[in-house]
Amino acid sequence: MTKPMLPKTAEKKPAEAQQADAPPANAPLADGPSETKEPEAKEAPPPEEPVQEASVEALAPPVEEAAVPVDEKTISADGAPSGEAAPPGEEGAPSAAEAPPAEIAPPPEPEPEPEPVGTPTSEPIGLCVDDISDTSISLKWRAPEKIGSAELDGYGVEYCKEGSDEWIPAFAGLTDRTSVNIRDLPTGEKMLFRVKAYNIAGPSPPAALPQAVTIREIMQRPKIWIPRNLRQTIIRKVGDTTNLVIPFQGKPRPKVTWTKNDEPLDPKKVSVRNSDTDTILFIRRSEMKDSGKYELQVQIENMEDKASVDLQIVDLPGPPQNLKVMEVWGFNVALEWKPPKDNGNCDITGYIIQKADKKTMEWYTVYDQYRRTNCVVSDLIMGNEYLFRVYAMNMVGLSPETCLSKDSAYIQKTGIVYKPPSYKEHDFSEAPKFTHPLVSRSVIAGYNATLSCSVRGIPKPKITWYKNKMDITNEAKYRMFSNQGVLTLEIRKPCPFDGGVYICKAINASGEDVVECKLEVRSQVTKEDVKK
């Protein structure tokens, strides 16, 4: 091991010389060899090595208190000594061996992690070619589904040639729009394009076109023209020929693709013939499994148009299921059944229910175009036994097979006893009520006068007349009439004594009613009476 260099203050000096050379405790340190030798002290190996400790003890003679070397003083962080040891002769000055150990600084606290500034957005969606020419292309897309906590700064568009990995920005900076027009592109080259969305967290995953685009002018955009008769569901019967002609446009000649339910067509079952202006879908003999949604796609580069045609192949339905005789009463039978398992790929429009006497087995139709799955057959003959059957019907026709009831229905012979209907007689009774009251009047003495009113009530009420609360029914001077509920009291040649309050009272079993009036009898005729 290389012998470490020792500071000059410790080289072969007795303890007294070291004590004399040591400055006072409160005196500042002077520029001396300790400062110049400080780098050498820093280069010394760690003090725990036994070789260094042994060499220092051998060079210094034994003394009672050894002076503290300059390199063993406490050094601050900026390289200046924090303080000097007291001379060994003074009391309370700790020796080098008795110096307290330096305090170990606590480990630094970990720095807090920076808060996340946000997450990138998801990729833009729906990137497609809007237009194309010999030197330019128009792209459009939609905003990302997930923007994140940070706002969207814009979009960046890049392109590169097919087979190259060098992506070139289409323009400097970002754009807020969701459509761009990129110009000055090489004619005839196949180019790839992609779009990224940017926010404070950085770019999103790119949204790229599925295939390269050839930079050439499209004279006529691809367009499909669906005939009016094919815009609704096309219905064909099993075994019929299906021939669909659909025109389209596009220059140069577009690529035509047919699929069924998002799967390629089977060339063994379906034939497709294409021309420059139309496409023909041909099925020689239609089957029910040929039903489905046929999709047509015409494509020129990345520009395309799509249309779909719904084809429905129908057939006769199967027979109804599980026809049962539910109940028999009197001349009636209740039937119930279930719809057929096979409806012929179209709705069941109705059922035909038939009956047959078990003796003759001649079938008669009871219901035609019946919509429900239960019915009641009536007007059956007593003493006969009947069987029933049901046909299912759809737009093609009747089911080739029928569902026959497992059980027969026997109409029992029973004695017929007439039971008159029982009813509760209505109560027409009504309490008397005067529909027209008596009217007070003034009459001339010596001339017959009448008082009239009308009353209703069931049964016919009993009528009683009163004058000044005295019954005048048997008085000869008064005559009383009743005609269809109109009551009249005639006073023969009244005199002033006959004036007063007249009352008519009607009473029957349900109640009673009363009306009254005042009668004034005058002895002379006034001008007002003459006018009347």
Foldseek 3Di string as FASTA:
>chain_A
DDAADDQPLLAQDAQVVSLVPDDAFPDDDDDDSLVVCQVSLVPGDDPVPVRNVVVSPVRYDDDPAHADDSSPADADPVGHGPGHFHRPVDPPGDGPVRDDDDDDDDDDDDDDDDDDPKDQFAEWADWFWDFAAQFKTKIFTHGGPGHIPFHWPAKWKWKDFPPDPDTDTQDPDGDHHRMDMRGRHHGQTWMKMWMWIATPNGTHPIDIDPGTFHRHHWPDFKDKDADPVQPDEAEAEFFAKDKDKTWIATPPQWDKAKDFPPHHDDCVAWDWDDDSTIIMIIGRGDDQVPFGKMKMWTDDGRGIDIDIGGYGYFYAFAAWAAKEFDDDDAQKTKIFTHGGPGRRRDDWQAKWKWKAWPVVRDIDTQDDSHHDRMDMRGDHDAQTKMWMKMWIADPVGTHPDIGTYPDIDHHHDDDDDDDDDDDDDDDPWDWKDWPFFWEEDEEEAQAKDKIKTFMDTPPFWDKFKDFVNHTCPPPPQWDWDADPRMIMIIGHRDDQVRWGKMKMKTGDPVGIDMHIYTYGYHHDQDPVNVVD
